[in-house]
Amino acid sequence: MKAGYICQACKADRFDVEVRERAPGEGLENYVYHVGRMCGDHHHSHYPCRTDKLDIKLPMTGNGIGVEGPPLTPEEIADLKKQLGG
């Protein structure tokens, strides 16, 4: 699965970080921690910026966060944006 990040310092905007699928029964907090570590490692290996201020882009499908499945529909994306205030 692909995840990504936006760096608040250098403005790098990526969505090509390979991460594992969320394990059955794995809490979202643990999965977010894993994805954050992978994105941080990716950022440090590709950019001279050494900040820890990354906005993480979690992989999301019609089956949930970090779970393989069909892409979100345009309606689901619009609903998410509405919920996030954007």
PDB file of N, CA and C in Angstrom:
ATOM      1  N   MET A   1       0.850  -1.177   0.000  1.00  0.00           N
ATOM      2  CA  MET A   1       0.000   0.000   0.000  1.00  0.00           C
ATOM      3  C   MET A   1       0.890   1.232   0.000  1.00  0.00           C
ATOM      4  N   LYS A   2       0.356   2.300  -0.550  1.00  0.00           N
ATOM      5  CA  LYS A   2       1.095   3.555  -0.595  1.00  0.00           C
ATOM      6  C   LYS A   2       0.533   4.536   0.429  1.00  0.00           C
ATOM      7  N   ALA A   3       1.444   5.189   1.150  1.00  0.00           N
ATOM      8  CA  ALA A   3       1.110   6.273   2.067  1.00  0.00           C
ATOM      9  C   ALA A   3       1.932   7.478   1.624  1.00  0.00           C
ATOM     10  N   GLY A   4       1.809   8.570   2.355  1.00  0.00           N
ATOM     11  CA  GLY A   4       2.569   9.748   1.979  1.00  0.00           C
ATOM     12  C   GLY A   4       2.635  10.762   3.097  1.00  0.00           C
ATOM     13  N   TYR A   5       3.162  11.937   2.740  1.00  0.00           N
ATOM     14  CA  TYR A   5       3.325  13.002   3.727  1.00  0.00           C
ATOM     15  C   TYR A   5       3.515  14.341   3.035  1.00  0.00           C
ATOM     16  N   ILE A   6       3.297  15.388   3.796  1.00  0.00           N
ATOM     17  CA  ILE A   6       3.656  16.749   3.409  1.00  0.00           C
ATOM     18  C   ILE A   6       4.545  17.276   4.525  1.00  0.00           C
ATOM     19  N   CYS A   7       5.726  17.760   4.179  1.00  0.00           N
ATOM     20  CA  CYS A   7       6.654  18.307   5.168  1.00  0.00           C
ATOM     21  C   CYS A   7       6.325  19.784   5.393  1.00  0.00           C
ATOM     22  N   GLN A   8       6.119  20.160   6.638  1.00  0.00           N
ATOM     23  CA  GLN A   8       5.810  21.548   6.962  1.00  0.00           C
ATOM     24  C   GLN A   8       7.012  22.467   6.774  1.00  0.00           C
ATOM     25  N   ALA A   9       8.231  21.919   6.811  1.00  0.00           N
ATOM     26  CA  ALA A   9       9.436  22.740   6.682  1.00  0.00           C
ATOM     27  C   ALA A   9       9.851  22.941   5.223  1.00  0.00           C
ATOM     28  N   CYS A  10      10.052  21.845   4.493  1.00  0.00           N
ATOM     29  CA  CYS A  10      10.562  21.964   3.119  1.00  0.00           C
ATOM     30  C   CYS A  10       9.462  21.842   2.063  1.00  0.00           C
ATOM     31  N   LYS A  11       8.230  21.583   2.494  1.00  0.00           N
ATOM     32  CA  LYS A  11       7.047  21.505   1.616  1.00  0.00           C
ATOM     33  C   LYS A  11       7.056  20.308   0.666  1.00  0.00           C
ATOM     34  N   ALA A  12       7.891  19.308   0.944  1.00  0.00           N
ATOM     35  CA  ALA A  12       7.854  18.081   0.139  1.00  0.00           C
ATOM     36  C   ALA A  12       6.455  17.485   0.244  1.00  0.00           C
ATOM     37  N   ASP A  13       5.910  17.052  -0.874  1.00  0.00           N
ATOM     38  CA  ASP A  13       4.561  16.482  -0.917  1.00  0.00           C
ATOM     39  C   ASP A  13       4.657  15.167  -1.682  1.00  0.00           C
ATOM     40  N   ARG A  14       4.611  14.065  -0.946  1.00  0.00           N
ATOM     41  CA  ARG A  14       4.813  12.745  -1.554  1.00  0.00           C
ATOM     42  C   ARG A  14       3.646  11.829  -1.248  1.00  0.00           C
ATOM     43  N   PHE A  15       3.412  10.862  -2.116  1.00  0.00           N
ATOM     44  CA  PHE A  15       2.465   9.786  -1.840  1.00  0.00           C
ATOM     45  C   PHE A  15       2.985   8.519  -2.510  1.00  0.00           C
ATOM     46  N   ASP A  16       4.209   8.151  -2.163  1.00  0.00           N
ATOM     47  CA  ASP A  16       4.814   6.970  -2.764  1.00  0.00           C
ATOM     48  C   ASP A  16       5.607   6.144  -1.752  1.00  0.00           C
ATOM     49  N   VAL A  17       5.195   6.222  -0.483  1.00  0.00           N
ATOM     50  CA  VAL A  17       5.879   5.475   0.564  1.00  0.00           C
ATOM     51  C   VAL A  17       5.174   4.127   0.729  1.00  0.00           C
ATOM     52  N   GLU A  18       5.915   3.067   0.507  1.00  0.00           N
ATOM     53  CA  GLU A  18       5.338   1.726   0.617  1.00  0.00           C
ATOM     54  C   GLU A  18       5.204   1.352   2.092  1.00  0.00           C
ATOM     55  N   VAL A  19       3.984   1.013   2.502  1.00  0.00           N
ATOM     56  CA  VAL A  19       3.714   0.600   3.881  1.00  0.00           C
ATOM     57  C   VAL A  19       2.931  -0.705   3.861  1.00  0.00           C
ATOM     58  N   ARG A  20       2.945  -1.381   4.985  1.00  0.00           N
ATOM     59  CA  ARG A  20       2.200  -2.639   5.098  1.00  0.00           C
ATOM     60  C   ARG A  20       0.718  -2.350   5.307  1.00  0.00           C
ATOM     61  N   GLU A  21      -0.088  -3.360   5.060  1.00  0.00           N
ATOM     62  CA  GLU A  21      -1.514  -3.271   5.333  1.00  0.00           C
ATOM     63  C   GLU A  21      -1.716  -3.348   6.846  1.00  0.00           C
ATOM     64  N   ARG A  22      -2.768  -2.737   7.343  1.00  0.00           N
ATOM     65  CA  ARG A  22      -3.089  -2.808   8.771  1.00  0.00           C
ATOM     66  C   ARG A  22      -3.521  -4.241   9.102  1.00  0.00           C
ATOM     67  N   ALA A  23      -2.951  -4.782  10.157  1.00  0.00           N
ATOM     68  CA  ALA A  23      -3.243  -6.158  10.565  1.00  0.00           C
ATOM     69  C   ALA A  23      -4.666  -6.261  11.117  1.00  0.00           C
ATOM     70  N   PRO A  24      -5.307  -7.419  10.926  1.00  0.00           N
ATOM     71  CA  PRO A  24      -6.647  -7.609  11.503  1.00  0.00           C
ATOM     72  C   PRO A  24      -6.607  -7.370  13.013  1.00  0.00           C
ATOM     73  N   GLY A  25      -7.503  -6.533  13.493  1.00  0.00           N
ATOM     74  CA  GLY A  25      -7.573  -6.234  14.922  1.00  0.00           C
ATOM     75  C   GLY A  25      -6.570  -5.198  15.401  1.00  0.00           C
ATOM     76  N   GLU A  26      -5.682  -4.738  14.515  1.00  0.00           N
ATOM     77  CA  GLU A  26      -4.687  -3.732  14.907  1.00  0.00           C
ATOM     78  C   GLU A  26      -5.363  -2.388  15.109  1.00  0.00           C
ATOM     79  N   GLY A  27      -5.072  -1.758  16.204  1.00  0.00           N
ATOM     80  CA  GLY A  27      -5.631  -0.449  16.487  1.00  0.00           C
ATOM     81  C   GLY A  27      -5.103   0.602  15.523  1.00  0.00           C
ATOM     82  N   LEU A  28      -5.927   1.591  15.258  1.00  0.00           N
ATOM     83  CA  LEU A  28      -5.546   2.652  14.328  1.00  0.00           C
ATOM     84  C   LEU A  28      -4.334   3.431  14.841  1.00  0.00           C
ATOM     85  N   GLU A  29      -4.255   3.649  16.147  1.00  0.00           N
ATOM     86  CA  GLU A  29      -3.130   4.391  16.717  1.00  0.00           C
ATOM     87  C   GLU A  29      -1.801   3.711  16.410  1.00  0.00           C
ATOM     88  N   ASN A  30      -1.743   2.397  16.542  1.00  0.00           N
ATOM     89  CA  ASN A  30      -0.523   1.658  16.252  1.00  0.00           C
ATOM     90  C   ASN A  30      -0.185   1.736  14.766  1.00  0.00           C
ATOM     91  N   TYR A  31      -1.203   1.631  13.918  1.00  0.00           N
ATOM     92  CA  TYR A  31      -0.964   1.688  12.476  1.00  0.00           C
ATOM     93  C   TYR A  31      -0.460   3.077  12.063  1.00  0.00           C
ATOM     94  N   VAL A  32      -1.061   4.121  12.626  1.00  0.00           N
ATOM     95  CA  VAL A  32      -0.627   5.486  12.311  1.00  0.00           C
ATOM     96  C   VAL A  32       0.824   5.682  12.744  1.00  0.00           C
ATOM     97  N   TYR A  33       1.192   5.146  13.899  1.00  0.00           N
ATOM     98  CA  TYR A  33       2.574   5.227  14.364  1.00  0.00           C
ATOM     99  C   TYR A  33       3.508   4.573  13.350  1.00  0.00           C
ATOM    100  N   HIS A  34       3.147   3.371  12.877  1.00  0.00           N
ATOM    101  CA  HIS A  34       3.963   2.657  11.881  1.00  0.00           C
ATOM    102  C   HIS A  34       4.115   3.487  10.603  1.00  0.00           C
ATOM    103  N   VAL A  35       3.008   3.995  10.080  1.00  0.00           N
ATOM    104  CA  VAL A  35       3.051   4.778   8.844  1.00  0.00           C
ATOM    105  C   VAL A  35       3.882   6.040   9.056  1.00  0.00           C
ATOM    106  N   GLY A  36       3.730   6.681  10.197  1.00  0.00           N
ATOM    107  CA  GLY A  36       4.523   7.878  10.500  1.00  0.00           C
ATOM    108  C   GLY A  36       6.014   7.594  10.508  1.00  0.00           C
ATOM    109  N   ARG A  37       6.399   6.455  11.081  1.00  0.00           N
ATOM    110  CA  ARG A  37       7.820   6.079  11.091  1.00  0.00           C
ATOM    111  C   ARG A  37       8.335   5.837   9.685  1.00  0.00           C
ATOM    112  N   MET A  38       7.550   5.135   8.870  1.00  0.00           N
ATOM    113  CA  MET A  38       7.963   4.856   7.494  1.00  0.00           C
ATOM    114  C   MET A  38       8.095   6.152   6.697  1.00  0.00           C
ATOM    115  N   CYS A  39       7.148   7.057   6.869  1.00  0.00           N
ATOM    116  CA  CYS A  39       7.195   8.343   6.156  1.00  0.00           C
ATOM    117  C   CYS A  39       8.370   9.191   6.635  1.00  0.00           C
ATOM    118  N   GLY A  40       8.629   9.183   7.935  1.00  0.00           N
ATOM    119  CA  GLY A  40       9.778   9.917   8.464  1.00  0.00           C
ATOM    120  C   GLY A  40      11.091   9.387   7.913  1.00  0.00           C
ATOM    121  N   ASP A  41      11.229   8.063   7.871  1.00  0.00           N
ATOM    122  CA  ASP A  41      12.441   7.458   7.301  1.00  0.00           C
ATOM    123  C   ASP A  41      12.590   7.828   5.829  1.00  0.00           C
ATOM    124  N   HIS A  42      11.490   7.797   5.088  1.00  0.00           N
ATOM    125  CA  HIS A  42      11.522   8.153   3.669  1.00  0.00           C
ATOM    126  C   HIS A  42      11.958   9.604   3.502  1.00  0.00           C
ATOM    127  N   HIS A  43      11.374  10.503   4.275  1.00  0.00           N
ATOM    128  CA  HIS A  43      11.704  11.928   4.170  1.00  0.00           C
ATOM    129  C   HIS A  43      13.175  12.168   4.463  1.00  0.00           C
ATOM    130  N   HIS A  44      13.677  11.557   5.539  1.00  0.00           N
ATOM    131  CA  HIS A  44      15.077  11.767   5.909  1.00  0.00           C
ATOM    132  C   HIS A  44      16.040  11.208   4.871  1.00  0.00           C
ATOM    133  N   SER A  45      15.632  10.187   4.133  1.00  0.00           N
ATOM    134  CA  SER A  45      16.535   9.611   3.136  1.00  0.00           C
ATOM    135  C   SER A  45      16.460  10.311   1.781  1.00  0.00           C
ATOM    136  N   HIS A  46      15.434  11.148   1.561  1.00  0.00           N
ATOM    137  CA  HIS A  46      15.274  11.805   0.266  1.00  0.00           C
ATOM    138  C   HIS A  46      15.446  13.322   0.289  1.00  0.00           C
ATOM    139  N   TYR A  47      15.462  13.931   1.470  1.00  0.00           N
ATOM    140  CA  TYR A  47      15.543  15.391   1.569  1.00  0.00           C
ATOM    141  C   TYR A  47      16.558  15.778   2.633  1.00  0.00           C
ATOM    142  N   PRO A  48      17.248  16.903   2.436  1.00  0.00           N
ATOM    143  CA  PRO A  48      18.214  17.351   3.446  1.00  0.00           C
ATOM    144  C   PRO A  48      17.526  17.926   4.690  1.00  0.00           C
ATOM    145  N   CYS A  49      16.259  18.221   4.599  1.00  0.00           N
ATOM    146  CA  CYS A  49      15.487  18.758   5.708  1.00  0.00           C
ATOM    147  C   CYS A  49      15.447  17.739   6.849  1.00  0.00           C
ATOM    148  N   ARG A  50      15.636  18.174   8.070  1.00  0.00           N
ATOM    149  CA  ARG A  50      15.653  17.248   9.209  1.00  0.00           C
ATOM    150  C   ARG A  50      14.505  17.499  10.186  1.00  0.00           C
ATOM    151  N   THR A  51      13.421  18.018   9.695  1.00  0.00           N
ATOM    152  CA  THR A  51      12.278  18.282  10.564  1.00  0.00           C
ATOM    153  C   THR A  51      11.521  17.001  10.892  1.00  0.00           C
ATOM    154  N   ASP A  52      10.754  17.043  11.948  1.00  0.00           N
ATOM    155  CA  ASP A  52       9.855  15.951  12.297  1.00  0.00           C
ATOM    156  C   ASP A  52       8.409  16.386  12.125  1.00  0.00           C
ATOM    157  N   LYS A  53       8.192  17.487  11.443  1.00  0.00           N
ATOM    158  CA  LYS A  53       6.847  18.038  11.273  1.00  0.00           C
ATOM    159  C   LYS A  53       6.278  17.621   9.924  1.00  0.00           C
ATOM    160  N   LEU A  54       5.753  16.401   9.897  1.00  0.00           N
ATOM    161  CA  LEU A  54       5.163  15.860   8.684  1.00  0.00           C
ATOM    162  C   LEU A  54       3.670  15.674   8.893  1.00  0.00           C
ATOM    163  N   ASP A  55       2.894  16.029   7.889  1.00  0.00           N
ATOM    164  CA  ASP A  55       1.482  15.691   7.864  1.00  0.00           C
ATOM    165  C   ASP A  55       1.388  14.374   7.100  1.00  0.00           C
ATOM    166  N   ILE A  56       0.876  13.354   7.766  1.00  0.00           N
ATOM    167  CA  ILE A  56       0.849  12.005   7.201  1.00  0.00           C
ATOM    168  C   ILE A  56      -0.407  11.798   6.361  1.00  0.00           C
ATOM    169  N   LYS A  57      -0.223  11.166   5.206  1.00  0.00           N
ATOM    170  CA  LYS A  57      -1.327  10.795   4.318  1.00  0.00           C
ATOM    171  C   LYS A  57      -1.511   9.282   4.429  1.00  0.00           C
ATOM    172  N   LEU A  58      -2.563   8.876   5.125  1.00  0.00           N
ATOM    173  CA  LEU A  58      -2.816   7.453   5.332  1.00  0.00           C
ATOM    174  C   LEU A  58      -3.485   6.835   4.114  1.00  0.00           C
ATOM    175  N   PRO A  59      -3.141   5.581   3.809  1.00  0.00           N
ATOM    176  CA  PRO A  59      -3.839   4.907   2.716  1.00  0.00           C
ATOM    177  C   PRO A  59      -5.264   4.564   3.157  1.00  0.00           C
ATOM    178  N   MET A  60      -6.236   4.866   2.310  1.00  0.00           N
ATOM    179  CA  MET A  60      -7.630   4.623   2.645  1.00  0.00           C
ATOM    180  C   MET A  60      -8.353   4.069   1.429  1.00  0.00           C
ATOM    181  N   THR A  61      -9.125   3.019   1.653  1.00  0.00           N
ATOM    182  CA  THR A  61      -9.921   2.416   0.586  1.00  0.00           C
ATOM    183  C   THR A  61     -11.365   2.304   1.058  1.00  0.00           C
ATOM    184  N   GLY A  62     -12.193   1.732   0.237  1.00  0.00           N
ATOM    185  CA  GLY A  62     -13.580   1.500   0.611  1.00  0.00           C
ATOM    186  C   GLY A  62     -13.720   0.526   1.764  1.00  0.00           C
ATOM    187  N   ASN A  63     -12.646  -0.195   2.094  1.00  0.00           N
ATOM    188  CA  ASN A  63     -12.671  -1.143   3.213  1.00  0.00           C
ATOM    189  C   ASN A  63     -12.119  -0.548   4.502  1.00  0.00           C
ATOM    190  N   GLY A  64     -11.589   0.661   4.442  1.00  0.00           N
ATOM    191  CA  GLY A  64     -11.095   1.306   5.660  1.00  0.00           C
ATOM    192  C   GLY A  64      -9.686   1.849   5.516  1.00  0.00           C
ATOM    193  N   ILE A  65      -9.168   2.347   6.632  1.00  0.00           N
ATOM    194  CA  ILE A  65      -7.824   2.917   6.682  1.00  0.00           C
ATOM    195  C   ILE A  65      -6.805   1.790   6.781  1.00  0.00           C
ATOM    196  N   GLY A  66      -5.879   1.765   5.841  1.00  0.00           N
ATOM    197  CA  GLY A  66      -4.803   0.782   5.863  1.00  0.00           C
ATOM    198  C   GLY A  66      -5.224  -0.621   5.477  1.00  0.00           C
ATOM    199  N   VAL A  67      -6.361  -0.742   4.816  1.00  0.00           N
ATOM    200  CA  VAL A  67      -6.875  -2.054   4.422  1.00  0.00           C
ATOM    201  C   VAL A  67      -7.049  -2.068   2.907  1.00  0.00           C
ATOM    202  N   GLU A  68      -6.500  -3.090   2.259  1.00  0.00           N
ATOM    203  CA  GLU A  68      -6.658  -3.214   0.807  1.00  0.00           C
ATOM    204  C   GLU A  68      -8.138  -3.273   0.453  1.00  0.00           C
ATOM    205  N   GLY A  69      -8.480  -2.680  -0.670  1.00  0.00           N
ATOM    206  CA  GLY A  69      -9.864  -2.710  -1.110  1.00  0.00           C
ATOM    207  C   GLY A  69     -10.081  -1.785  -2.283  1.00  0.00           C
ATOM    208  N   PRO A  70     -11.338  -1.595  -2.649  1.00  0.00           N
ATOM    209  CA  PRO A  70     -11.653  -0.735  -3.787  1.00  0.00           C
ATOM    210  C   PRO A  70     -11.362   0.727  -3.451  1.00  0.00           C
ATOM    211  N   PRO A  71     -11.016   1.523  -4.453  1.00  0.00           N
ATOM    212  CA  PRO A  71     -10.782   2.950  -4.213  1.00  0.00           C
ATOM    213  C   PRO A  71     -12.054   3.610  -3.676  1.00  0.00           C
ATOM    214  N   LEU A  72     -11.863   4.701  -2.956  1.00  0.00           N
ATOM    215  CA  LEU A  72     -13.010   5.475  -2.488  1.00  0.00           C
ATOM    216  C   LEU A  72     -13.752   6.051  -3.684  1.00  0.00           C
ATOM    217  N   THR A  73     -15.061   6.113  -3.580  1.00  0.00           N
ATOM    218  CA  THR A  73     -15.869   6.720  -4.641  1.00  0.00           C
ATOM    219  C   THR A  73     -15.782   8.232  -4.514  1.00  0.00           C
ATOM    220  N   PRO A  74     -16.113   8.967  -5.560  1.00  0.00           N
ATOM    221  CA  PRO A  74     -16.127  10.432  -5.455  1.00  0.00           C
ATOM    222  C   PRO A  74     -17.044  10.921  -4.328  1.00  0.00           C
ATOM    223  N   GLU A  75     -18.152  10.215  -4.105  1.00  0.00           N
ATOM    224  CA  GLU A  75     -19.071  10.595  -3.025  1.00  0.00           C
ATOM    225  C   GLU A  75     -18.418  10.411  -1.662  1.00  0.00           C
ATOM    226  N   GLU A  76     -17.691   9.300  -1.487  1.00  0.00           N
ATOM    227  CA  GLU A  76     -17.002   9.048  -0.215  1.00  0.00           C
ATOM    228  C   GLU A  76     -15.902  10.080   0.021  1.00  0.00           C
ATOM    229  N   ILE A  77     -15.193  10.447  -1.033  1.00  0.00           N
ATOM    230  CA  ILE A  77     -14.148  11.473  -0.913  1.00  0.00           C
ATOM    231  C   ILE A  77     -14.767  12.809  -0.531  1.00  0.00           C
ATOM    232  N   ALA A  78     -15.865  13.175  -1.169  1.00  0.00           N
ATOM    233  CA  ALA A  78     -16.546  14.432  -0.848  1.00  0.00           C
ATOM    234  C   ALA A  78     -17.031  14.431   0.595  1.00  0.00           C
ATOM    235  N   ASP A  79     -17.546  13.298   1.065  1.00  0.00           N
ATOM    236  CA  ASP A  79     -18.020  13.199   2.449  1.00  0.00           C
ATOM    237  C   ASP A  79     -16.862  13.354   3.433  1.00  0.00           C
ATOM    238  N   LEU A  80     -15.731  12.724   3.133  1.00  0.00           N
ATOM    239  CA  LEU A  80     -14.555  12.872   3.994  1.00  0.00           C
ATOM    240  C   LEU A  80     -14.097  14.314   4.065  1.00  0.00           C
ATOM    241  N   LYS A  81     -14.029  14.975   2.919  1.00  0.00           N
ATOM    242  CA  LYS A  81     -13.622  16.382   2.890  1.00  0.00           C
ATOM    243  C   LYS A  81     -14.570  17.248   3.702  1.00  0.00           C
ATOM    244  N   LYS A  82     -15.859  16.950   3.600  1.00  0.00           N
ATOM    245  CA  LYS A  82     -16.851  17.693   4.361  1.00  0.00           C
ATOM    246  C   LYS A  82     -16.623  17.489   5.855  1.00  0.00           C
ATOM    247  N   GLN A  83     -16.378  16.253   6.269  1.00  0.00           N
ATOM    248  CA  GLN A  83     -16.137  15.952   7.677  1.00  0.00           C
ATOM    249  C   GLN A  83     -14.880  16.631   8.200  1.00  0.00           C
ATOM    250  N   LEU A  84     -13.885  16.775   7.329  1.00  0.00           N
ATOM    251  CA  LEU A  84     -12.620  17.406   7.725  1.00  0.00           C
ATOM    252  C   LEU A  84     -12.657  18.924   7.595  1.00  0.00           C
ATOM    253  N   GLY A  85     -13.776  19.453   7.155  1.00  0.00           N
ATOM    254  CA  GLY A  85     -13.910  20.900   7.043  1.00  0.00           C
ATOM    255  C   GLY A  85     -13.315  21.493   5.795  1.00  0.00           C
ATOM    256  N   GLY A  86     -13.134  20.689   4.769  1.00  0.00           N
ATOM    257  CA  GLY A  86     -12.514  21.225   3.558  1.00  0.00           C
ATOM    258  C   GLY A  86     -13.210  20.837   2.374  1.00  0.00           C
TER     259      GLY A  86
END
